[in-house]
Amino acid sequence: MEQTAFTREELMRRLEEHRRKKKEVIRMMEDYLKEECKKRTGREPESFEVW
């Protein structure tokens, strides 16, 4: 199995892509949880905790 060396630019591009995807998933989860919480309690949630 061959290992390839990544350039700094390639690593930074991958890191930024990962961060962008993480933010998108967190936003989608937050929207879903807000909707579910409102259905159950009838109130908007005050906050969410994401690790």
PDB file of N, CA and C in Angstrom:
ATOM      1  N   MET A   1       0.836  -1.173   0.000  1.00  0.00           N
ATOM      2  CA  MET A   1       0.000   0.000   0.000  1.00  0.00           C
ATOM      3  C   MET A   1       0.885   1.241   0.000  1.00  0.00           C
ATOM      4  N   GLU A   2       0.674   2.079  -0.946  1.00  0.00           N
ATOM      5  CA  GLU A   2       1.496   3.285  -1.082  1.00  0.00           C
ATOM      6  C   GLU A   2       0.922   4.441  -0.296  1.00  0.00           C
ATOM      7  N   GLN A   3       1.795   5.201   0.327  1.00  0.00           N
ATOM      8  CA  GLN A   3       1.366   6.410   1.027  1.00  0.00           C
ATOM      9  C   GLN A   3       1.782   7.614   0.188  1.00  0.00           C
ATOM     10  N   THR A   4       0.870   8.554   0.051  1.00  0.00           N
ATOM     11  CA  THR A   4       1.180   9.748  -0.713  1.00  0.00           C
ATOM     12  C   THR A   4       1.369  10.912   0.246  1.00  0.00           C
ATOM     13  N   ALA A   5       2.301  11.754  -0.093  1.00  0.00           N
ATOM     14  CA  ALA A   5       2.542  12.939   0.716  1.00  0.00           C
ATOM     15  C   ALA A   5       1.620  14.050   0.232  1.00  0.00           C
ATOM     16  N   PHE A   6       0.964  14.695   1.163  1.00  0.00           N
ATOM     17  CA  PHE A   6       0.075  15.790   0.825  1.00  0.00           C
ATOM     18  C   PHE A   6       0.802  17.110   1.005  1.00  0.00           C
ATOM     19  N   THR A   7       0.459  18.043   0.161  1.00  0.00           N
ATOM     20  CA  THR A   7       1.024  19.371   0.312  1.00  0.00           C
ATOM     21  C   THR A   7       0.243  20.116   1.387  1.00  0.00           C
ATOM     22  N   ARG A   8       0.797  21.173   1.862  1.00  0.00           N
ATOM     23  CA  ARG A   8       0.138  21.982   2.889  1.00  0.00           C
ATOM     24  C   ARG A   8      -1.191  22.517   2.365  1.00  0.00           C
ATOM     25  N   GLU A   9      -1.207  22.919   1.115  1.00  0.00           N
ATOM     26  CA  GLU A   9      -2.425  23.454   0.509  1.00  0.00           C
ATOM     27  C   GLU A   9      -3.525  22.383   0.445  1.00  0.00           C
ATOM     28  N   GLU A  10      -3.127  21.161   0.088  1.00  0.00           N
ATOM     29  CA  GLU A  10      -4.093  20.070   0.019  1.00  0.00           C
ATOM     30  C   GLU A  10      -4.660  19.766   1.408  1.00  0.00           C
ATOM     31  N   LEU A  11      -3.815  19.737   2.408  1.00  0.00           N
ATOM     32  CA  LEU A  11      -4.285  19.490   3.768  1.00  0.00           C
ATOM     33  C   LEU A  11      -5.207  20.606   4.260  1.00  0.00           C
ATOM     34  N   MET A  12      -4.868  21.838   3.954  1.00  0.00           N
ATOM     35  CA  MET A  12      -5.705  22.961   4.365  1.00  0.00           C
ATOM     36  C   MET A  12      -7.058  22.925   3.650  1.00  0.00           C
ATOM     37  N   ARG A  13      -7.053  22.556   2.373  1.00  0.00           N
ATOM     38  CA  ARG A  13      -8.286  22.434   1.622  1.00  0.00           C
ATOM     39  C   ARG A  13      -9.181  21.354   2.234  1.00  0.00           C
ATOM     40  N   ARG A  14      -8.589  20.220   2.579  1.00  0.00           N
ATOM     41  CA  ARG A  14      -9.355  19.131   3.194  1.00  0.00           C
ATOM     42  C   ARG A  14      -9.905  19.541   4.558  1.00  0.00           C
ATOM     43  N   LEU A  15      -9.105  20.233   5.342  1.00  0.00           N
ATOM     44  CA  LEU A  15      -9.536  20.684   6.659  1.00  0.00           C
ATOM     45  C   LEU A  15     -10.712  21.654   6.543  1.00  0.00           C
ATOM     46  N   GLU A  16     -10.630  22.597   5.629  1.00  0.00           N
ATOM     47  CA  GLU A  16     -11.716  23.552   5.432  1.00  0.00           C
ATOM     48  C   GLU A  16     -12.992  22.855   4.946  1.00  0.00           C
ATOM     49  N   GLU A  17     -12.841  21.875   4.063  1.00  0.00           N
ATOM     50  CA  GLU A  17     -13.995  21.124   3.580  1.00  0.00           C
ATOM     51  C   GLU A  17     -14.652  20.370   4.737  1.00  0.00           C
ATOM     52  N   HIS A  18     -13.846  19.764   5.586  1.00  0.00           N
ATOM     53  CA  HIS A  18     -14.368  19.054   6.748  1.00  0.00           C
ATOM     54  C   HIS A  18     -15.122  20.014   7.671  1.00  0.00           C
ATOM     55  N   ARG A  19     -14.563  21.167   7.934  1.00  0.00           N
ATOM     56  CA  ARG A  19     -15.216  22.156   8.790  1.00  0.00           C
ATOM     57  C   ARG A  19     -16.536  22.624   8.191  1.00  0.00           C
ATOM     58  N   ARG A  20     -16.559  22.833   6.882  1.00  0.00           N
ATOM     59  CA  ARG A  20     -17.781  23.272   6.212  1.00  0.00           C
ATOM     60  C   ARG A  20     -18.869  22.214   6.340  1.00  0.00           C
ATOM     61  N   LYS A  21     -18.497  20.946   6.103  1.00  0.00           N
ATOM     62  CA  LYS A  21     -19.473  19.864   6.212  1.00  0.00           C
ATOM     63  C   LYS A  21     -19.987  19.724   7.640  1.00  0.00           C
ATOM     64  N   LYS A  22     -19.098  19.874   8.610  1.00  0.00           N
ATOM     65  CA  LYS A  22     -19.505  19.761  10.012  1.00  0.00           C
ATOM     66  C   LYS A  22     -20.517  20.850  10.366  1.00  0.00           C
ATOM     67  N   LYS A  23     -20.262  22.080   9.933  1.00  0.00           N
ATOM     68  CA  LYS A  23     -21.199  23.173  10.196  1.00  0.00           C
ATOM     69  C   LYS A  23     -22.553  22.906   9.555  1.00  0.00           C
ATOM     70  N   GLU A  24     -22.544  22.366   8.346  1.00  0.00           N
ATOM     71  CA  GLU A  24     -23.781  22.065   7.637  1.00  0.00           C
ATOM     72  C   GLU A  24     -24.580  20.986   8.368  1.00  0.00           C
ATOM     73  N   VAL A  25     -23.909  19.941   8.827  1.00  0.00           N
ATOM     74  CA  VAL A  25     -24.587  18.860   9.548  1.00  0.00           C
ATOM     75  C   VAL A  25     -25.144  19.377  10.871  1.00  0.00           C
ATOM     76  N   ILE A  26     -24.386  20.199  11.572  1.00  0.00           N
ATOM     77  CA  ILE A  26     -24.849  20.766  12.834  1.00  0.00           C
ATOM     78  C   ILE A  26     -26.078  21.629  12.603  1.00  0.00           C
ATOM     79  N   ARG A  27     -26.083  22.418  11.548  1.00  0.00           N
ATOM     80  CA  ARG A  27     -27.241  23.261  11.237  1.00  0.00           C
ATOM     81  C   ARG A  27     -28.467  22.407  10.935  1.00  0.00           C
ATOM     82  N   MET A  28     -28.283  21.322  10.180  1.00  0.00           N
ATOM     83  CA  MET A  28     -29.392  20.435   9.861  1.00  0.00           C
ATOM     84  C   MET A  28     -29.930  19.759  11.127  1.00  0.00           C
ATOM     85  N   MET A  29     -29.037  19.321  12.006  1.00  0.00           N
ATOM     86  CA  MET A  29     -29.456  18.691  13.255  1.00  0.00           C
ATOM     87  C   MET A  29     -30.205  19.686  14.133  1.00  0.00           C
ATOM     88  N   GLU A  30     -29.717  20.903  14.189  1.00  0.00           N
ATOM     89  CA  GLU A  30     -30.361  21.929  15.001  1.00  0.00           C
ATOM     90  C   GLU A  30     -31.777  22.210  14.495  1.00  0.00           C
ATOM     91  N   ASP A  31     -31.937  22.332  13.189  1.00  0.00           N
ATOM     92  CA  ASP A  31     -33.266  22.556  12.613  1.00  0.00           C
ATOM     93  C   ASP A  31     -34.208  21.409  12.960  1.00  0.00           C
ATOM     94  N   TYR A  32     -33.716  20.191  12.823  1.00  0.00           N
ATOM     95  CA  TYR A  32     -34.536  19.016  13.122  1.00  0.00           C
ATOM     96  C   TYR A  32     -34.923  19.000  14.600  1.00  0.00           C
ATOM     97  N   LEU A  33     -33.953  19.242  15.482  1.00  0.00           N
ATOM     98  CA  LEU A  33     -34.232  19.204  16.913  1.00  0.00           C
ATOM     99  C   LEU A  33     -35.189  20.314  17.337  1.00  0.00           C
ATOM    100  N   LYS A  34     -35.066  21.492  16.741  1.00  0.00           N
ATOM    101  CA  LYS A  34     -35.999  22.578  17.047  1.00  0.00           C
ATOM    102  C   LYS A  34     -37.423  22.165  16.694  1.00  0.00           C
ATOM    103  N   GLU A  35     -37.566  21.566  15.521  1.00  0.00           N
ATOM    104  CA  GLU A  35     -38.881  21.144  15.056  1.00  0.00           C
ATOM    105  C   GLU A  35     -39.464  20.059  15.973  1.00  0.00           C
ATOM    106  N   GLU A  36     -38.655  19.076  16.336  1.00  0.00           N
ATOM    107  CA  GLU A  36     -39.121  17.997  17.206  1.00  0.00           C
ATOM    108  C   GLU A  36     -39.470  18.517  18.602  1.00  0.00           C
ATOM    109  N   CYS A  37     -38.664  19.404  19.122  1.00  0.00           N
ATOM    110  CA  CYS A  37     -38.911  19.963  20.449  1.00  0.00           C
ATOM    111  C   CYS A  37     -40.213  20.764  20.453  1.00  0.00           C
ATOM    112  N   LYS A  38     -40.433  21.516  19.396  1.00  0.00           N
ATOM    113  CA  LYS A  38     -41.664  22.316  19.303  1.00  0.00           C
ATOM    114  C   LYS A  38     -42.891  21.413  19.224  1.00  0.00           C
ATOM    115  N   LYS A  39     -42.785  20.290  18.508  1.00  0.00           N
ATOM    116  CA  LYS A  39     -43.891  19.343  18.422  1.00  0.00           C
ATOM    117  C   LYS A  39     -44.207  18.750  19.790  1.00  0.00           C
ATOM    118  N   ARG A  40     -43.162  18.389  20.552  1.00  0.00           N
ATOM    119  CA  ARG A  40     -43.367  17.731  21.840  1.00  0.00           C
ATOM    120  C   ARG A  40     -43.864  18.684  22.915  1.00  0.00           C
ATOM    121  N   THR A  41     -43.240  19.866  23.007  1.00  0.00           N
ATOM    122  CA  THR A  41     -43.522  20.759  24.129  1.00  0.00           C
ATOM    123  C   THR A  41     -44.389  21.950  23.748  1.00  0.00           C
ATOM    124  N   GLY A  42     -44.400  22.305  22.467  1.00  0.00           N
ATOM    125  CA  GLY A  42     -45.148  23.478  22.040  1.00  0.00           C
ATOM    126  C   GLY A  42     -44.359  24.771  22.212  1.00  0.00           C
ATOM    127  N   ARG A  43     -43.116  24.667  22.656  1.00  0.00           N
ATOM    128  CA  ARG A  43     -42.264  25.853  22.849  1.00  0.00           C
ATOM    129  C   ARG A  43     -40.981  25.709  22.039  1.00  0.00           C
ATOM    130  N   GLU A  44     -40.402  26.855  21.745  1.00  0.00           N
ATOM    131  CA  GLU A  44     -39.098  26.862  21.080  1.00  0.00           C
ATOM    132  C   GLU A  44     -38.021  26.522  22.115  1.00  0.00           C
ATOM    133  N   PRO A  45     -37.019  25.698  21.740  1.00  0.00           N
ATOM    134  CA  PRO A  45     -35.933  25.408  22.677  1.00  0.00           C
ATOM    135  C   PRO A  45     -35.066  26.640  22.892  1.00  0.00           C
ATOM    136  N   GLU A  46     -34.505  26.752  24.083  1.00  0.00           N
ATOM    137  CA  GLU A  46     -33.662  27.911  24.388  1.00  0.00           C
ATOM    138  C   GLU A  46     -32.270  27.788  23.796  1.00  0.00           C
ATOM    139  N   SER A  47     -31.700  26.577  23.830  1.00  0.00           N
ATOM    140  CA  SER A  47     -30.351  26.413  23.300  1.00  0.00           C
ATOM    141  C   SER A  47     -30.093  24.954  22.953  1.00  0.00           C
ATOM    142  N   PHE A  48     -28.983  24.724  22.260  1.00  0.00           N
ATOM    143  CA  PHE A  48     -28.520  23.391  21.913  1.00  0.00           C
ATOM    144  C   PHE A  48     -27.065  23.308  22.280  1.00  0.00           C
ATOM    145  N   GLU A  49     -26.636  22.106  22.652  1.00  0.00           N
ATOM    146  CA  GLU A  49     -25.227  21.904  22.947  1.00  0.00           C
ATOM    147  C   GLU A  49     -24.671  20.931  21.926  1.00  0.00           C
ATOM    148  N   VAL A  50     -23.592  21.328  21.262  1.00  0.00           N
ATOM    149  CA  VAL A  50     -22.922  20.493  20.273  1.00  0.00           C
ATOM    150  C   VAL A  50     -21.483  20.362  20.697  1.00  0.00           C
ATOM    151  N   TRP A  51     -20.988  19.132  20.722  1.00  0.00           N
ATOM    152  CA  TRP A  51     -19.597  18.924  21.134  1.00  0.00           C
ATOM    153  C   TRP A  51     -18.679  18.984  19.983  1.00  0.00           C
TER     154      TRP A  51
END
